[in-house]
Amino acid sequence: MRELTKQAANDTYDTNKRNLIKDELDQLSSEITRIADATTFNGEHLLNASAATRFILQVGSGNDNATGGVDIIDIASALGDLTASVGLTLGTTSVTTNTLANQLASRIDAALSTVNAQLSRLGALTNRLEGVVSNLNVYIENVSAARSRITDADFAAETAALTKNQILQQSTLAILSQANAQPQSALRLLQ
């Protein structure tokens, strides 16, 4: 859109060509508004003026203190109706003169600055949430390792204990059988 307004500001274009540029600008503006109205996630509008004011996200491991609000909607309210938020109402703005085209270019520059600032905020928020996800993945790995140490058997130690108990049981049986055999030997001698 900025490129088109710069073209319209050029004195080599006549009124007919500037009107064609205006028609194209109107179509681009309508498409931007359509995209803003159609951009949703989980049924929530993200970019138009009807978007919620705040999303609450669970960013921790499960307790209530780990919830936090994310002001992602500040982006939508700053952009609002992408054409109206910076006074960029192309339906009533004409590019038929050099001055009007330059004024429109200034509004488009302001809109681009707003969009870039909000994209920067969104990028910072994305980095923050990626850090939380990374931290939670480490937490999950540590909890899993701790659970494994607590509940999993040490097979070498358990096998050694079983072998020891089997040897003790066999030796006890051998001693008992020898103890039972001695009275029978004495009875045989008496016979």
N, C-alpha and C. Protein backbone atom coordinates (compact mmCIF):
# COMPACT_ATOMS: atom_id res chain seq x y z
N MET A 1 0.82 -1.18 0.00
CA MET A 1 0.00 0.00 0.00
C MET A 1 0.87 1.25 0.00
N ARG A 2 1.94 1.17 0.75
CA ARG A 2 2.85 2.32 0.80
C ARG A 2 3.42 2.60 -0.58
N GLU A 3 3.79 1.54 -1.27
CA GLU A 3 4.35 1.69 -2.61
C GLU A 3 3.33 2.34 -3.55
N LEU A 4 2.09 1.93 -3.43
CA LEU A 4 1.05 2.52 -4.29
C LEU A 4 0.84 4.00 -3.99
N THR A 5 0.88 4.38 -2.72
CA THR A 5 0.70 5.80 -2.39
C THR A 5 1.89 6.62 -2.88
N LYS A 6 3.07 6.04 -2.83
CA LYS A 6 4.24 6.75 -3.36
C LYS A 6 4.12 6.92 -4.87
N GLN A 7 3.58 5.90 -5.53
CA GLN A 7 3.36 6.03 -6.97
C GLN A 7 2.33 7.12 -7.26
N ALA A 8 1.25 7.16 -6.45
CA ALA A 8 0.21 8.16 -6.66
C ALA A 8 0.73 9.57 -6.40
N ALA A 9 1.72 9.70 -5.53
CA ALA A 9 2.29 11.02 -5.23
C ALA A 9 3.16 11.53 -6.36
N ASN A 10 3.53 10.67 -7.27
CA ASN A 10 4.35 11.06 -8.41
C ASN A 10 3.50 11.86 -9.40
N ASP A 11 4.00 12.98 -9.80
CA ASP A 11 3.24 13.86 -10.71
C ASP A 11 3.12 13.31 -12.13
N THR A 12 3.77 12.22 -12.43
CA THR A 12 3.65 11.66 -13.78
C THR A 12 2.33 10.91 -13.96
N TYR A 13 1.63 10.61 -12.85
CA TYR A 13 0.34 9.92 -12.94
C TYR A 13 -0.78 10.94 -13.07
N ASP A 14 -1.71 10.68 -13.98
CA ASP A 14 -2.87 11.57 -14.11
C ASP A 14 -3.98 11.10 -13.17
N THR A 15 -5.09 11.82 -13.17
CA THR A 15 -6.20 11.53 -12.26
C THR A 15 -6.78 10.14 -12.48
N ASN A 16 -6.88 9.70 -13.71
CA ASN A 16 -7.42 8.37 -14.00
C ASN A 16 -6.55 7.27 -13.39
N LYS A 17 -5.24 7.40 -13.56
CA LYS A 17 -4.33 6.41 -12.99
C LYS A 17 -4.36 6.45 -11.46
N ARG A 18 -4.48 7.65 -10.91
CA ARG A 18 -4.57 7.76 -9.44
C ARG A 18 -5.87 7.15 -8.93
N ASN A 19 -6.94 7.28 -9.68
CA ASN A 19 -8.19 6.64 -9.29
C ASN A 19 -8.07 5.12 -9.33
N LEU A 20 -7.33 4.61 -10.31
CA LEU A 20 -7.07 3.16 -10.36
C LEU A 20 -6.24 2.72 -9.15
N ILE A 21 -5.28 3.54 -8.78
CA ILE A 21 -4.47 3.24 -7.59
C ILE A 21 -5.36 3.25 -6.36
N LYS A 22 -6.27 4.22 -6.27
CA LYS A 22 -7.19 4.31 -5.14
C LYS A 22 -8.07 3.05 -5.06
N ASP A 23 -8.55 2.57 -6.22
CA ASP A 23 -9.35 1.35 -6.24
C ASP A 23 -8.55 0.17 -5.70
N GLU A 24 -7.30 0.08 -6.11
CA GLU A 24 -6.45 -1.00 -5.61
C GLU A 24 -6.21 -0.86 -4.11
N LEU A 25 -5.99 0.37 -3.65
CA LEU A 25 -5.81 0.61 -2.21
C LEU A 25 -7.06 0.24 -1.43
N ASP A 26 -8.24 0.55 -1.97
CA ASP A 26 -9.49 0.17 -1.31
C ASP A 26 -9.59 -1.35 -1.19
N GLN A 27 -9.21 -2.06 -2.24
CA GLN A 27 -9.27 -3.52 -2.20
C GLN A 27 -8.27 -4.09 -1.19
N LEU A 28 -7.08 -3.54 -1.15
CA LEU A 28 -6.08 -3.99 -0.17
C LEU A 28 -6.56 -3.72 1.25
N SER A 29 -7.16 -2.56 1.46
CA SER A 29 -7.68 -2.22 2.78
C SER A 29 -8.78 -3.18 3.19
N SER A 30 -9.67 -3.51 2.26
CA SER A 30 -10.74 -4.47 2.55
C SER A 30 -10.17 -5.84 2.89
N GLU A 31 -9.12 -6.24 2.20
CA GLU A 31 -8.50 -7.54 2.47
C GLU A 31 -7.84 -7.56 3.84
N ILE A 32 -7.19 -6.47 4.21
CA ILE A 32 -6.58 -6.38 5.54
C ILE A 32 -7.66 -6.50 6.61
N THR A 33 -8.77 -5.80 6.43
CA THR A 33 -9.87 -5.88 7.39
C THR A 33 -10.44 -7.29 7.43
N ARG A 34 -10.59 -7.94 6.27
CA ARG A 34 -11.10 -9.31 6.23
C ARG A 34 -10.18 -10.26 6.99
N ILE A 35 -8.89 -10.12 6.79
CA ILE A 35 -7.92 -10.96 7.49
C ILE A 35 -8.02 -10.74 8.99
N ALA A 36 -8.14 -9.48 9.41
CA ALA A 36 -8.25 -9.18 10.83
C ALA A 36 -9.52 -9.78 11.41
N ASP A 37 -10.61 -9.74 10.67
CA ASP A 37 -11.87 -10.31 11.16
C ASP A 37 -11.85 -11.83 11.16
N ALA A 38 -11.10 -12.44 10.26
CA ALA A 38 -11.09 -13.90 10.12
C ALA A 38 -10.03 -14.58 10.98
N THR A 39 -9.10 -13.85 11.54
CA THR A 39 -8.02 -14.46 12.31
C THR A 39 -8.53 -14.84 13.69
N THR A 40 -8.67 -16.15 13.92
CA THR A 40 -9.16 -16.65 15.21
C THR A 40 -8.28 -17.80 15.67
N PHE A 41 -8.35 -18.05 16.97
CA PHE A 41 -7.72 -19.23 17.56
C PHE A 41 -8.64 -19.70 18.66
N ASN A 42 -9.04 -20.96 18.61
CA ASN A 42 -9.99 -21.53 19.57
C ASN A 42 -11.27 -20.70 19.64
N GLY A 43 -11.70 -20.19 18.52
CA GLY A 43 -12.93 -19.41 18.46
C GLY A 43 -12.80 -17.97 18.93
N GLU A 44 -11.63 -17.56 19.35
CA GLU A 44 -11.40 -16.18 19.81
C GLU A 44 -10.78 -15.37 18.69
N HIS A 45 -11.36 -14.21 18.43
CA HIS A 45 -10.76 -13.30 17.45
C HIS A 45 -9.48 -12.72 18.03
N LEU A 46 -8.46 -12.65 17.22
CA LEU A 46 -7.17 -12.17 17.68
C LEU A 46 -6.83 -10.77 17.21
N LEU A 47 -7.31 -10.36 16.07
CA LEU A 47 -6.85 -9.11 15.49
C LEU A 47 -7.92 -8.04 15.31
N ASN A 48 -9.18 -8.37 15.52
CA ASN A 48 -10.17 -7.32 15.30
C ASN A 48 -10.60 -6.69 16.62
N ALA A 49 -11.42 -5.68 16.54
CA ALA A 49 -11.79 -4.91 17.73
C ALA A 49 -12.64 -5.71 18.71
N SER A 50 -13.24 -6.84 18.30
CA SER A 50 -14.07 -7.62 19.21
C SER A 50 -13.26 -8.64 20.01
N ALA A 51 -11.95 -8.61 19.89
CA ALA A 51 -11.11 -9.57 20.61
C ALA A 51 -11.19 -9.33 22.11
N ALA A 52 -11.00 -10.40 22.86
CA ALA A 52 -11.00 -10.30 24.33
C ALA A 52 -9.85 -9.40 24.76
N THR A 53 -9.89 -8.98 26.02
CA THR A 53 -8.85 -8.05 26.48
C THR A 53 -7.64 -8.77 27.04
N ARG A 54 -7.78 -10.04 27.40
CA ARG A 54 -6.66 -10.73 28.05
C ARG A 54 -6.88 -12.23 27.96
N PHE A 55 -5.82 -12.97 27.72
CA PHE A 55 -5.86 -14.42 27.78
C PHE A 55 -5.14 -14.86 29.04
N ILE A 56 -5.72 -15.81 29.76
CA ILE A 56 -5.07 -16.39 30.93
C ILE A 56 -4.50 -17.73 30.49
N LEU A 57 -3.21 -17.90 30.69
CA LEU A 57 -2.53 -19.12 30.28
C LEU A 57 -1.95 -19.82 31.50
N GLN A 58 -2.00 -21.13 31.51
CA GLN A 58 -1.33 -21.93 32.53
C GLN A 58 0.12 -22.08 32.07
N VAL A 59 1.04 -21.52 32.83
CA VAL A 59 2.43 -21.55 32.41
C VAL A 59 3.32 -22.30 33.39
N GLY A 60 2.73 -22.97 34.35
CA GLY A 60 3.52 -23.68 35.33
C GLY A 60 3.16 -25.15 35.36
N SER A 61 3.50 -25.79 36.48
CA SER A 61 3.34 -27.23 36.58
C SER A 61 2.03 -27.66 37.19
N GLY A 62 1.13 -26.74 37.53
CA GLY A 62 -0.17 -27.20 37.97
C GLY A 62 -0.79 -26.44 39.11
N ASN A 63 -0.06 -25.64 39.86
CA ASN A 63 -0.71 -24.93 40.95
C ASN A 63 -1.26 -23.60 40.48
N ASP A 64 -2.13 -23.01 41.30
CA ASP A 64 -2.79 -21.77 40.89
C ASP A 64 -1.83 -20.60 40.73
N ASN A 65 -0.71 -20.63 41.41
CA ASN A 65 0.25 -19.53 41.31
C ASN A 65 0.97 -19.51 39.97
N ALA A 66 0.83 -20.58 39.22
CA ALA A 66 1.56 -20.68 37.95
C ALA A 66 0.75 -20.15 36.77
N THR A 67 -0.43 -19.58 37.03
CA THR A 67 -1.18 -19.00 35.93
C THR A 67 -0.77 -17.56 35.75
N GLY A 68 -0.85 -17.10 34.55
CA GLY A 68 -0.49 -15.72 34.28
C GLY A 68 -1.27 -15.19 33.11
N GLY A 69 -1.51 -13.91 33.15
CA GLY A 69 -2.23 -13.28 32.05
C GLY A 69 -1.26 -12.85 30.97
N VAL A 70 -1.67 -13.02 29.77
CA VAL A 70 -0.87 -12.60 28.63
C VAL A 70 -1.67 -11.54 27.90
N ASP A 71 -1.11 -10.36 27.81
CA ASP A 71 -1.80 -9.25 27.18
C ASP A 71 -1.58 -9.26 25.67
N ILE A 72 -1.85 -10.40 25.08
CA ILE A 72 -1.70 -10.49 23.63
C ILE A 72 -2.72 -9.62 22.93
N ILE A 73 -3.80 -9.32 23.61
CA ILE A 73 -4.86 -8.54 23.00
C ILE A 73 -4.49 -7.07 22.92
N ASP A 74 -3.48 -6.64 23.68
CA ASP A 74 -2.99 -5.28 23.48
C ASP A 74 -2.59 -5.07 22.02
N ILE A 75 -2.14 -6.14 21.42
CA ILE A 75 -1.76 -6.07 20.01
C ILE A 75 -3.00 -5.81 19.17
N ALA A 76 -4.06 -6.55 19.45
CA ALA A 76 -5.29 -6.37 18.67
C ALA A 76 -5.90 -5.00 18.92
N SER A 77 -5.88 -4.55 20.17
CA SER A 77 -6.49 -3.25 20.43
C SER A 77 -5.64 -2.13 19.84
N ALA A 78 -4.33 -2.34 19.77
CA ALA A 78 -3.49 -1.32 19.14
C ALA A 78 -3.74 -1.29 17.63
N LEU A 79 -4.04 -2.45 17.08
CA LEU A 79 -4.31 -2.51 15.65
C LEU A 79 -5.79 -2.31 15.36
N GLY A 80 -6.63 -2.88 16.26
CA GLY A 80 -8.08 -2.77 16.09
C GLY A 80 -8.50 -3.13 14.69
N ASP A 81 -9.40 -2.38 14.14
CA ASP A 81 -9.72 -2.50 12.73
C ASP A 81 -8.49 -1.92 12.03
N LEU A 82 -7.75 -2.76 11.38
CA LEU A 82 -6.42 -2.35 10.90
C LEU A 82 -6.45 -1.08 10.07
N THR A 83 -7.55 -0.77 9.46
CA THR A 83 -7.60 0.46 8.67
C THR A 83 -8.03 1.64 9.51
N ALA A 84 -8.86 1.42 10.53
CA ALA A 84 -9.37 2.55 11.32
C ALA A 84 -8.44 2.93 12.46
N SER A 85 -7.56 2.02 12.88
CA SER A 85 -6.75 2.28 14.07
C SER A 85 -5.82 3.47 13.91
N VAL A 86 -5.39 3.74 12.73
CA VAL A 86 -4.51 4.88 12.52
C VAL A 86 -5.15 5.91 11.60
N GLY A 87 -6.46 5.89 11.52
CA GLY A 87 -7.15 6.84 10.68
C GLY A 87 -6.99 6.55 9.21
N LEU A 88 -6.70 5.32 8.89
CA LEU A 88 -6.44 4.94 7.51
C LEU A 88 -7.76 4.48 6.89
N THR A 89 -8.65 5.40 6.65
CA THR A 89 -9.94 5.08 6.05
C THR A 89 -9.87 5.42 4.58
N LEU A 90 -9.50 4.45 3.80
CA LEU A 90 -9.23 4.70 2.39
C LEU A 90 -10.49 5.03 1.60
N GLY A 91 -11.65 4.63 2.10
CA GLY A 91 -12.87 4.92 1.37
C GLY A 91 -13.12 6.41 1.25
N THR A 92 -12.65 7.20 2.20
CA THR A 92 -12.87 8.64 2.16
C THR A 92 -11.60 9.41 1.85
N THR A 93 -10.49 8.71 1.74
CA THR A 93 -9.23 9.38 1.44
C THR A 93 -8.96 9.27 -0.05
N SER A 94 -8.62 10.36 -0.61
CA SER A 94 -8.36 10.39 -2.04
C SER A 94 -6.86 10.49 -2.28
N VAL A 95 -6.42 9.91 -3.37
CA VAL A 95 -5.02 10.04 -3.77
C VAL A 95 -4.94 10.78 -5.11
N THR A 96 -5.93 11.64 -5.34
CA THR A 96 -5.98 12.33 -6.63
C THR A 96 -4.97 13.45 -6.76
N THR A 97 -4.36 13.85 -5.62
CA THR A 97 -3.32 14.88 -5.70
C THR A 97 -2.07 14.37 -5.00
N ASN A 98 -0.98 15.03 -5.31
CA ASN A 98 0.30 14.70 -4.70
C ASN A 98 0.22 14.83 -3.19
N THR A 99 -0.38 15.90 -2.68
CA THR A 99 -0.48 16.16 -1.24
C THR A 99 -1.30 15.08 -0.54
N LEU A 100 -2.45 14.73 -1.11
CA LEU A 100 -3.30 13.70 -0.50
C LEU A 100 -2.59 12.34 -0.49
N ALA A 101 -1.88 12.03 -1.54
CA ALA A 101 -1.14 10.76 -1.59
C ALA A 101 -0.05 10.74 -0.54
N ASN A 102 0.65 11.86 -0.35
CA ASN A 102 1.70 11.91 0.68
C ASN A 102 1.10 11.81 2.09
N GLN A 103 -0.08 12.41 2.31
CA GLN A 103 -0.74 12.28 3.61
C GLN A 103 -1.11 10.83 3.88
N LEU A 104 -1.62 10.17 2.86
CA LEU A 104 -1.96 8.76 3.00
C LEU A 104 -0.71 7.92 3.26
N ALA A 105 0.37 8.25 2.58
CA ALA A 105 1.64 7.53 2.81
C ALA A 105 2.10 7.70 4.25
N SER A 106 1.90 8.89 4.81
CA SER A 106 2.27 9.11 6.22
C SER A 106 1.43 8.25 7.14
N ARG A 107 0.12 8.14 6.85
CA ARG A 107 -0.75 7.29 7.67
C ARG A 107 -0.35 5.82 7.55
N ILE A 108 0.01 5.42 6.35
CA ILE A 108 0.44 4.03 6.16
C ILE A 108 1.74 3.79 6.91
N ASP A 109 2.67 4.75 6.89
CA ASP A 109 3.91 4.62 7.67
C ASP A 109 3.60 4.48 9.15
N ALA A 110 2.63 5.27 9.64
CA ALA A 110 2.24 5.16 11.05
C ALA A 110 1.65 3.78 11.34
N ALA A 111 0.84 3.27 10.41
CA ALA A 111 0.26 1.93 10.58
C ALA A 111 1.36 0.88 10.60
N LEU A 112 2.34 1.01 9.70
CA LEU A 112 3.45 0.06 9.67
C LEU A 112 4.26 0.11 10.97
N SER A 113 4.45 1.30 11.50
CA SER A 113 5.16 1.43 12.78
C SER A 113 4.40 0.74 13.89
N THR A 114 3.08 0.92 13.90
CA THR A 114 2.25 0.26 14.91
C THR A 114 2.34 -1.25 14.78
N VAL A 115 2.21 -1.75 13.56
CA VAL A 115 2.28 -3.19 13.33
C VAL A 115 3.65 -3.73 13.74
N ASN A 116 4.72 -3.04 13.37
CA ASN A 116 6.07 -3.50 13.72
C ASN A 116 6.29 -3.50 15.22
N ALA A 117 5.79 -2.48 15.92
CA ALA A 117 5.93 -2.43 17.38
C ALA A 117 5.18 -3.59 18.02
N GLN A 118 3.99 -3.87 17.52
CA GLN A 118 3.21 -4.97 18.10
C GLN A 118 3.83 -6.32 17.75
N LEU A 119 4.38 -6.45 16.56
CA LEU A 119 5.08 -7.69 16.21
C LEU A 119 6.28 -7.91 17.12
N SER A 120 6.96 -6.84 17.47
CA SER A 120 8.08 -6.94 18.39
C SER A 120 7.61 -7.43 19.76
N ARG A 121 6.50 -6.87 20.24
CA ARG A 121 5.94 -7.32 21.53
C ARG A 121 5.52 -8.77 21.46
N LEU A 122 4.90 -9.16 20.34
CA LEU A 122 4.48 -10.54 20.17
C LEU A 122 5.69 -11.48 20.12
N GLY A 123 6.76 -11.05 19.48
CA GLY A 123 7.98 -11.85 19.44
C GLY A 123 8.58 -12.02 20.83
N ALA A 124 8.58 -10.96 21.62
CA ALA A 124 9.09 -11.06 22.99
C ALA A 124 8.23 -12.00 23.81
N LEU A 125 6.92 -11.93 23.64
CA LEU A 125 6.01 -12.83 24.35
C LEU A 125 6.25 -14.27 23.92
N THR A 126 6.45 -14.49 22.64
CA THR A 126 6.72 -15.83 22.13
C THR A 126 8.01 -16.38 22.75
N ASN A 127 9.05 -15.56 22.81
CA ASN A 127 10.31 -16.00 23.43
C ASN A 127 10.11 -16.35 24.89
N ARG A 128 9.30 -15.54 25.60
CA ARG A 128 9.03 -15.81 27.01
C ARG A 128 8.33 -17.16 27.17
N LEU A 129 7.30 -17.41 26.36
CA LEU A 129 6.56 -18.66 26.46
C LEU A 129 7.42 -19.85 26.04
N GLU A 130 8.30 -19.68 25.07
CA GLU A 130 9.21 -20.76 24.69
C GLU A 130 10.16 -21.08 25.84
N GLY A 131 10.59 -20.07 26.58
CA GLY A 131 11.42 -20.31 27.76
C GLY A 131 10.67 -21.09 28.82
N VAL A 132 9.39 -20.78 29.01
CA VAL A 132 8.57 -21.52 29.98
C VAL A 132 8.43 -22.96 29.54
N VAL A 133 8.18 -23.19 28.26
CA VAL A 133 8.05 -24.55 27.74
C VAL A 133 9.34 -25.33 27.95
N SER A 134 10.46 -24.71 27.67
CA SER A 134 11.76 -25.37 27.86
C SER A 134 11.97 -25.73 29.33
N ASN A 135 11.65 -24.80 30.22
CA ASN A 135 11.78 -25.05 31.65
C ASN A 135 10.87 -26.19 32.09
N LEU A 136 9.65 -26.23 31.60
CA LEU A 136 8.72 -27.30 31.96
C LEU A 136 9.19 -28.65 31.42
N ASN A 137 9.80 -28.66 30.25
CA ASN A 137 10.33 -29.92 29.71
C ASN A 137 11.44 -30.46 30.60
N VAL A 138 12.31 -29.59 31.09
CA VAL A 138 13.37 -30.01 32.02
C VAL A 138 12.74 -30.53 33.31
N TYR A 139 11.71 -29.85 33.80
CA TYR A 139 11.02 -30.27 35.02
C TYR A 139 10.41 -31.66 34.84
N ILE A 140 9.76 -31.89 33.70
CA ILE A 140 9.15 -33.20 33.42
C ILE A 140 10.22 -34.28 33.39
N GLU A 141 11.34 -34.01 32.77
CA GLU A 141 12.42 -34.99 32.70
C GLU A 141 12.96 -35.31 34.10
N ASN A 142 13.13 -34.28 34.92
CA ASN A 142 13.64 -34.50 36.28
C ASN A 142 12.65 -35.28 37.13
N VAL A 143 11.36 -34.98 37.01
CA VAL A 143 10.34 -35.72 37.77
C VAL A 143 10.31 -37.17 37.33
N SER A 144 10.40 -37.40 36.03
CA SER A 144 10.40 -38.76 35.51
C SER A 144 11.61 -39.55 36.01
N ALA A 145 12.77 -38.92 36.04
CA ALA A 145 13.98 -39.59 36.54
C ALA A 145 13.85 -39.90 38.03
N ALA A 146 13.29 -38.96 38.79
CA ALA A 146 13.12 -39.19 40.23
C ALA A 146 12.13 -40.33 40.47
N ARG A 147 11.03 -40.34 39.74
CA ARG A 147 10.05 -41.42 39.88
C ARG A 147 10.68 -42.76 39.53
N SER A 148 11.50 -42.78 38.51
CA SER A 148 12.17 -44.01 38.11
C SER A 148 13.09 -44.52 39.21
N ARG A 149 13.84 -43.59 39.83
CA ARG A 149 14.73 -44.01 40.92
C ARG A 149 13.95 -44.55 42.11
N ILE A 150 12.78 -43.99 42.36
CA ILE A 150 11.99 -44.42 43.51
C ILE A 150 11.30 -45.74 43.26
N THR A 151 10.68 -45.91 42.11
CA THR A 151 9.83 -47.08 41.88
C THR A 151 10.50 -48.23 41.16
N ASP A 152 11.48 -47.99 40.35
CA ASP A 152 12.11 -49.08 39.61
C ASP A 152 13.03 -49.87 40.52
N ALA A 153 13.01 -51.19 40.33
CA ALA A 153 13.85 -52.07 41.14
C ALA A 153 15.28 -52.06 40.60
N ASP A 154 16.23 -52.18 41.54
CA ASP A 154 17.62 -52.36 41.16
C ASP A 154 17.79 -53.87 40.96
N PHE A 155 17.76 -54.30 39.70
CA PHE A 155 17.71 -55.72 39.41
C PHE A 155 18.94 -56.47 39.90
N ALA A 156 20.09 -55.86 39.88
CA ALA A 156 21.30 -56.53 40.36
C ALA A 156 21.19 -56.79 41.86
N ALA A 157 20.76 -55.78 42.62
CA ALA A 157 20.64 -55.95 44.07
C ALA A 157 19.54 -56.94 44.41
N GLU A 158 18.42 -56.88 43.69
CA GLU A 158 17.31 -57.80 43.96
C GLU A 158 17.69 -59.23 43.61
N THR A 159 18.43 -59.44 42.53
CA THR A 159 18.88 -60.78 42.15
C THR A 159 19.86 -61.33 43.19
N ALA A 160 20.76 -60.49 43.67
CA ALA A 160 21.71 -60.93 44.71
C ALA A 160 20.97 -61.29 45.99
N ALA A 161 19.97 -60.51 46.38
CA ALA A 161 19.20 -60.81 47.60
C ALA A 161 18.42 -62.11 47.44
N LEU A 162 17.83 -62.35 46.26
CA LEU A 162 17.10 -63.59 46.01
C LEU A 162 18.04 -64.79 46.09
N THR A 163 19.20 -64.69 45.47
CA THR A 163 20.17 -65.79 45.51
C THR A 163 20.61 -66.08 46.94
N LYS A 164 20.87 -65.03 47.70
CA LYS A 164 21.27 -65.18 49.11
C LYS A 164 20.18 -65.90 49.90
N ASN A 165 18.93 -65.49 49.72
CA ASN A 165 17.83 -66.11 50.44
C ASN A 165 17.62 -67.56 50.03
N GLN A 166 17.80 -67.86 48.74
CA GLN A 166 17.68 -69.25 48.28
C GLN A 166 18.78 -70.13 48.89
N ILE A 167 20.01 -69.61 48.95
CA ILE A 167 21.12 -70.37 49.56
C ILE A 167 20.85 -70.61 51.03
N LEU A 168 20.37 -69.57 51.73
CA LEU A 168 20.04 -69.73 53.16
C LEU A 168 18.94 -70.77 53.35
N GLN A 169 17.93 -70.75 52.49
CA GLN A 169 16.84 -71.70 52.61
C GLN A 169 17.33 -73.12 52.34
N GLN A 170 18.17 -73.31 51.34
CA GLN A 170 18.70 -74.64 51.02
C GLN A 170 19.60 -75.17 52.14
N SER A 171 20.42 -74.27 52.69
CA SER A 171 21.30 -74.73 53.78
C SER A 171 20.49 -75.05 55.04
N THR A 172 19.41 -74.31 55.29
CA THR A 172 18.55 -74.61 56.43
C THR A 172 17.90 -75.97 56.25
N LEU A 173 17.44 -76.26 55.04
CA LEU A 173 16.84 -77.57 54.77
C LEU A 173 17.87 -78.69 54.94
N ALA A 174 19.09 -78.45 54.51
CA ALA A 174 20.14 -79.48 54.66
C ALA A 174 20.44 -79.74 56.13
N ILE A 175 20.49 -78.67 56.92
CA ILE A 175 20.76 -78.84 58.36
C ILE A 175 19.61 -79.58 59.03
N LEU A 176 18.38 -79.22 58.67
CA LEU A 176 17.22 -79.90 59.26
C LEU A 176 17.18 -81.37 58.87
N SER A 177 17.50 -81.67 57.63
CA SER A 177 17.48 -83.08 57.23
C SER A 177 18.57 -83.87 57.95
N GLN A 178 19.73 -83.23 58.19
CA GLN A 178 20.78 -83.92 58.95
C GLN A 178 20.36 -84.08 60.41
N ALA A 179 19.69 -83.07 60.95
CA ALA A 179 19.24 -83.17 62.34
C ALA A 179 18.19 -84.26 62.47
N ASN A 180 17.33 -84.41 61.50
CA ASN A 180 16.31 -85.47 61.53
C ASN A 180 16.94 -86.83 61.28
N ALA A 181 18.03 -86.89 60.57
CA ALA A 181 18.68 -88.17 60.25
C ALA A 181 19.40 -88.73 61.47
N GLN A 182 19.90 -87.94 62.39
CA GLN A 182 20.64 -88.43 63.56
C GLN A 182 19.76 -89.25 64.51
N PRO A 183 18.54 -88.84 64.85
CA PRO A 183 17.73 -89.72 65.72
C PRO A 183 17.42 -91.05 65.04
N GLN A 184 17.25 -91.06 63.75
CA GLN A 184 16.97 -92.32 63.06
C GLN A 184 18.20 -93.22 63.09
N SER A 185 19.38 -92.63 63.03
CA SER A 185 20.61 -93.43 63.12
C SER A 185 20.72 -94.07 64.50
N ALA A 186 20.35 -93.33 65.52
CA ALA A 186 20.39 -93.88 66.88
C ALA A 186 19.38 -95.00 67.03
N LEU A 187 18.22 -94.88 66.45
CA LEU A 187 17.21 -95.93 66.52
C LEU A 187 17.67 -97.18 65.79
N ARG A 188 18.36 -97.03 64.71
CA ARG A 188 18.86 -98.18 63.97
C ARG A 188 19.91 -98.94 64.79
N LEU A 189 20.72 -98.18 65.50
CA LEU A 189 21.74 -98.84 66.32
C LEU A 189 21.09 -99.64 67.44
N LEU A 190 20.01 -99.14 67.96
CA LEU A 190 19.31 -99.83 69.04
C LEU A 190 18.59 -101.07 68.52
N GLN A 191 18.28 -101.17 67.34
CA GLN A 191 17.57 -102.33 66.81
C GLN A 191 18.52 -103.42 66.61
